[in-house]
Amino acid sequence: MTSSLPLQPLPEAPATSGPAAVSARNLVKNYGKGETAVAALRDVSIDVEQGRFTAIMGPSGSGKSTLMHLLAGLDTADSGTIHLGSTEITGLNDTQLTTLRRDTVGFVFQAFNLVPTLTAQQNILLPIELAGGKPDLEWFDFVVGVLGLQDRLKHRPHELSGGQQQRVAVARALLTRPQVLFGDEPTGNLDSRSGAEVLSLMRRSTKELGQTIIMVTHDPVAASYADRVILMSDGRIVGGIENPTAETILAAMSELGA
């Protein structure tokens, strides 16, 4: 059958844009050994441009979460190379990876992971304080303003809506000025209105703050907020959609059997 996938070849980062935010070559990742081995990634190469919002999608078991975990330094590849900016992270030891994740990478997960006894402001500042650093108060005010949290800083998590709690989590991730912000189903626990609110704010952070975002999601509507969607199947990247809409994503996912 002739494929009708609305896919486009994945472009390399433009030569004039400097190094990609994240670049990977020939990634291979297997789980298990022998007859029970599962090939999670099969010779995957990818460039993610700076200052863009990229979504990774695919059927269950396609390798999308594995790819994100490798790019973020949360897991290690069996072979291949990964660069975060100009730094090769492949082969770093656990201590070096911990430092890298603390200093250059931000995370927003499906669970908000806020400390219930702390205020929104204290939750946002917590990672910097734990690292023994001092926050840039001008940057703090700017991020809080972009995310619309000025009137919620003294509230504890139980006094905030789900969307507001996730905005606090996004602010916490952005405060360290990460090279890349990774989102793992960041709106999975939100209703549609709150999810749209958070996704709009994430998109604004790429446009107004120059933030690079890589998000894994199964939701075509969530992925439509991205500048580009990368589609995976059976451990491989099978194409991408530039300027995606929910309709073009649904059509592509249908062809993939998702």
Protein backbone atom coordinates (compact mmCIF):
# COMPACT_ATOMS: atom_id res chain seq x y z
CA MET A 1 0.00 0.00 0.00
CA THR A 2 1.28 3.47 -0.84
CA SER A 3 1.83 5.50 2.29
CA SER A 4 -0.09 8.74 2.67
CA LEU A 5 1.95 9.92 5.67
CA PRO A 6 2.19 13.73 5.62
CA LEU A 7 5.86 13.46 6.52
CA GLN A 8 8.82 15.54 5.50
CA PRO A 9 12.51 14.59 5.71
CA LEU A 10 14.04 15.65 9.00
CA PRO A 11 16.19 18.70 8.28
CA GLU A 12 19.65 19.14 9.68
CA ALA A 13 20.13 22.22 11.84
CA PRO A 14 20.91 25.14 9.48
CA ALA A 15 24.62 25.78 9.14
CA THR A 16 24.12 29.41 10.15
CA SER A 17 22.40 28.57 13.43
CA GLY A 18 25.49 27.25 15.20
CA PRO A 19 25.54 23.87 16.94
CA ALA A 20 22.30 22.01 17.42
CA ALA A 21 20.87 22.10 20.93
CA VAL A 22 20.95 18.30 20.91
CA SER A 23 22.56 16.06 18.32
CA ALA A 24 22.67 12.27 18.26
CA ARG A 25 24.23 9.83 15.82
CA ASN A 26 23.61 6.11 15.33
CA LEU A 27 22.03 5.46 18.72
CA VAL A 28 21.40 1.82 19.59
CA LYS A 29 19.70 0.71 22.79
CA ASN A 30 18.67 -2.82 23.71
CA TYR A 31 16.98 -4.09 26.85
CA GLY A 32 17.59 -7.65 28.00
CA LYS A 33 19.86 -10.25 26.43
CA GLY A 34 19.62 -13.26 24.15
CA GLU A 35 16.22 -14.36 22.95
CA THR A 36 14.43 -11.98 25.33
CA ALA A 37 16.33 -8.89 24.11
CA VAL A 38 14.21 -5.96 22.97
CA ALA A 39 15.64 -3.45 20.50
CA ALA A 40 14.40 -0.08 21.79
CA LEU A 41 16.43 2.09 19.38
CA ARG A 42 17.87 1.01 16.05
CA ASP A 43 20.56 3.30 14.62
CA VAL A 44 18.76 6.57 15.42
CA SER A 45 20.26 9.93 14.38
CA ILE A 46 18.68 13.30 15.07
CA ASP A 47 19.41 17.04 15.33
CA VAL A 48 17.24 19.32 17.45
CA GLU A 49 17.65 23.00 16.66
CA GLN A 50 18.09 25.65 19.30
CA GLY A 51 15.06 27.67 20.31
CA ARG A 52 12.48 25.27 18.87
CA PHE A 53 9.70 23.18 20.39
CA THR A 54 10.02 19.57 19.21
CA ALA A 55 7.54 16.80 19.99
CA ILE A 56 8.39 13.10 19.71
CA MET A 57 5.50 10.72 18.99
CA GLY A 58 4.92 7.13 18.04
CA PRO A 59 2.97 4.00 18.94
CA SER A 60 3.55 2.32 22.29
CA GLY A 61 6.95 0.65 22.20
CA SER A 62 8.23 2.83 19.35
CA GLY A 63 11.22 4.03 21.38
CA LYS A 64 10.15 7.64 21.92
CA SER A 65 10.62 7.62 25.70
CA THR A 66 13.91 5.75 25.40
CA LEU A 67 15.18 8.36 22.95
CA MET A 68 14.24 11.22 25.27
CA HIS A 69 15.88 9.51 28.25
CA LEU A 70 19.12 9.07 26.31
CA LEU A 71 19.14 12.65 25.01
CA ALA A 72 18.54 13.94 28.56
CA GLY A 73 21.30 11.83 30.10
CA LEU A 74 18.83 9.77 32.15
CA ASP A 75 19.97 6.54 30.47
CA THR A 76 22.97 5.43 28.43
CA ALA A 77 23.12 4.08 24.88
CA ASP A 78 24.71 0.77 23.92
CA SER A 79 26.40 2.58 21.04
CA GLY A 80 26.29 5.91 19.23
CA THR A 81 27.05 9.46 20.30
CA ILE A 82 25.03 12.30 21.84
CA HIS A 83 26.04 15.96 22.03
CA LEU A 84 24.31 18.50 24.24
CA GLY A 85 25.38 21.68 22.52
CA SER A 86 29.09 21.22 21.94
CA THR A 87 29.50 18.76 24.83
CA GLU A 88 29.53 15.05 24.11
CA ILE A 89 27.65 13.35 26.93
CA THR A 90 28.18 9.79 25.72
CA GLY A 91 30.55 8.04 28.06
CA LEU A 92 30.20 10.44 30.98
CA ASN A 93 30.21 8.74 34.38
CA ASP A 94 27.31 8.95 36.82
CA THR A 95 28.75 11.92 38.70
CA GLN A 96 29.36 13.85 35.49
CA LEU A 97 25.86 13.06 34.21
CA THR A 98 24.34 14.21 37.50
CA THR A 99 26.18 17.52 37.23
CA LEU A 100 25.15 17.89 33.59
CA ARG A 101 21.48 17.30 34.39
CA ARG A 102 21.61 19.74 37.29
CA ASP A 103 23.37 22.53 35.44
CA THR A 104 22.23 22.33 31.81
CA VAL A 105 18.98 20.35 31.55
CA GLY A 106 15.45 21.02 32.79
CA PHE A 107 12.67 18.48 33.29
CA VAL A 108 8.88 18.70 33.41
CA PHE A 109 7.13 15.41 34.10
CA GLN A 110 3.53 14.22 34.08
CA ALA A 111 3.61 14.32 37.89
CA PHE A 112 4.21 17.87 39.08
CA ASN A 113 6.74 16.76 41.73
CA LEU A 114 6.20 19.81 43.93
CA VAL A 115 7.04 19.77 47.65
CA PRO A 116 3.62 20.10 49.34
CA THR A 117 4.87 22.03 52.38
CA LEU A 118 6.60 24.73 50.32
CA THR A 119 5.07 27.73 48.61
CA ALA A 120 5.13 28.11 44.84
CA GLN A 121 8.06 30.52 45.13
CA GLN A 122 9.99 28.15 47.38
CA ASN A 123 9.35 25.25 44.99
CA ILE A 124 10.61 27.30 42.05
CA LEU A 125 13.80 28.30 43.89
CA LEU A 126 14.45 24.90 45.49
CA PRO A 127 16.84 23.36 42.88
CA ILE A 128 19.08 26.43 42.85
CA GLU A 129 19.17 26.57 46.64
CA LEU A 130 19.95 22.85 46.92
CA ALA A 131 22.86 23.38 44.53
CA GLY A 132 24.15 26.18 46.75
CA GLY A 133 23.57 28.85 44.14
CA LYS A 134 21.91 32.24 44.19
CA PRO A 135 18.92 32.93 41.93
CA ASP A 136 18.99 35.69 39.36
CA LEU A 137 16.08 37.70 40.76
CA GLU A 138 15.56 39.65 37.53
CA TRP A 139 15.30 36.38 35.59
CA PHE A 140 13.01 34.96 38.29
CA ASP A 141 10.65 37.92 37.95
CA PHE A 142 10.69 37.60 34.15
CA VAL A 143 9.94 33.86 34.11
CA VAL A 144 7.22 34.22 36.75
CA GLY A 145 5.71 37.05 34.71
CA VAL A 146 5.72 35.08 31.46
CA LEU A 147 4.06 32.15 33.24
CA GLY A 148 1.50 34.35 35.00
CA LEU A 149 2.39 33.24 38.52
CA GLN A 150 2.86 36.64 40.19
CA ASP A 151 -0.29 36.27 42.30
CA ARG A 152 0.33 32.63 43.24
CA LEU A 153 3.84 32.70 44.67
CA LYS A 154 2.74 32.46 48.32
CA HIS A 155 0.31 29.60 47.65
CA ARG A 156 1.14 26.00 48.47
CA PRO A 157 0.49 23.27 45.89
CA HIS A 158 -2.86 22.21 47.39
CA GLU A 159 -4.06 25.79 46.93
CA LEU A 160 -3.28 25.74 43.20
CA SER A 161 -5.12 24.22 40.26
CA GLY A 162 -3.45 21.45 38.27
CA GLY A 163 -2.53 23.90 35.53
CA GLN A 164 -1.04 26.31 38.04
CA GLN A 165 0.97 23.53 39.68
CA GLN A 166 2.40 22.53 36.31
CA ARG A 167 3.23 26.18 35.58
CA VAL A 168 5.22 26.21 38.84
CA ALA A 169 7.03 23.08 37.65
CA VAL A 170 7.82 24.76 34.31
CA ALA A 171 9.08 27.89 36.11
CA ARG A 172 11.29 25.73 38.33
CA ALA A 173 12.75 24.05 35.24
CA LEU A 174 13.33 27.35 33.40
CA LEU A 175 14.91 29.20 36.30
CA THR A 176 18.29 27.51 35.83
CA ARG A 177 18.30 28.61 32.16
CA PRO A 178 18.66 25.04 30.89
CA GLN A 179 20.11 24.43 27.46
CA VAL A 180 17.20 22.06 26.85
CA LEU A 181 13.89 21.55 28.64
CA PHE A 182 12.60 17.98 28.41
CA GLY A 183 8.90 17.23 28.92
CA ASP A 184 7.62 13.70 29.51
CA GLU A 185 3.84 13.78 28.96
CA PRO A 186 3.77 17.13 30.83
CA THR A 187 0.01 17.58 30.38
CA GLY A 188 -0.96 13.95 30.96
CA ASN A 189 -2.52 14.67 34.37
CA LEU A 190 -4.31 17.87 33.31
CA ASP A 191 -7.78 18.56 31.95
CA SER A 192 -7.92 19.90 28.40
CA ARG A 193 -8.16 23.55 29.44
CA SER A 194 -5.24 23.38 31.87
CA GLY A 195 -3.23 21.35 29.38
CA ALA A 196 -3.75 23.96 26.67
CA GLU A 197 -2.71 26.66 29.12
CA VAL A 198 0.57 24.93 29.97
CA LEU A 199 1.36 24.06 26.33
CA SER A 200 0.73 27.65 25.25
CA LEU A 201 3.12 28.84 27.92
CA MET A 202 5.75 26.29 26.87
CA ARG A 203 5.41 27.47 23.29
CA ARG A 204 5.79 31.07 24.46
CA SER A 205 9.00 30.13 26.25
CA THR A 206 10.54 29.10 22.92
CA LYS A 207 9.41 32.30 21.21
CA GLU A 208 10.05 34.78 24.02
CA LEU A 209 12.83 33.14 26.04
CA GLY A 210 14.60 31.25 23.24
CA GLN A 211 14.12 27.98 25.14
CA THR A 212 14.69 24.64 23.41
CA ILE A 213 12.01 22.09 24.33
CA ILE A 214 11.81 18.37 23.56
CA MET A 215 8.52 16.78 24.59
CA VAL A 216 7.33 13.19 24.44
CA THR A 217 3.57 12.84 24.12
CA HIS A 218 0.91 10.52 22.80
CA ASP A 219 -1.59 13.36 22.38
CA PRO A 220 -1.89 14.85 18.84
CA VAL A 221 -3.43 18.04 20.23
CA ALA A 222 -0.51 18.52 22.63
CA ALA A 223 1.99 17.82 19.85
CA SER A 224 0.32 20.41 17.60
CA TYR A 225 1.76 23.16 19.82
CA ALA A 226 5.27 22.14 18.71
CA ASP A 227 7.21 23.59 15.80
CA ARG A 228 8.02 20.08 14.60
CA VAL A 229 6.87 16.55 15.32
CA ILE A 230 9.27 13.62 15.04
CA LEU A 231 7.54 10.30 14.42
CA MET A 232 8.99 7.00 15.56
CA SER A 233 8.08 3.39 14.89
CA ASP A 234 9.81 0.17 15.92
CA GLY A 235 12.84 1.94 17.34
CA ARG A 236 13.44 4.13 14.29
CA ILE A 237 12.65 7.68 13.25
CA VAL A 238 10.34 7.43 10.24
CA GLY A 239 9.88 11.11 9.46
CA GLY A 240 8.74 14.47 10.73
CA ILE A 241 6.00 17.02 10.34
CA GLU A 242 6.87 20.72 10.20
CA ASN A 243 4.29 23.19 11.52
CA PRO A 244 2.01 20.34 12.61
CA THR A 245 -1.71 20.42 13.20
CA ALA A 246 -3.74 17.90 15.17
CA GLU A 247 -5.21 16.69 11.86
CA THR A 248 -1.87 16.04 10.13
CA ILE A 249 -0.57 14.31 13.25
CA LEU A 250 -3.65 12.10 13.52
CA ALA A 251 -3.29 11.09 9.88
CA ALA A 252 0.36 10.21 10.35
CA MET A 253 -0.26 8.28 13.55
CA SER A 254 -3.06 6.36 11.86
CA GLU A 255 -0.64 5.24 9.16
CA LEU A 256 1.74 4.09 11.87
CA GLY A 257 -1.02 2.02 13.45
CA ALA A 258 -1.12 4.07 16.62
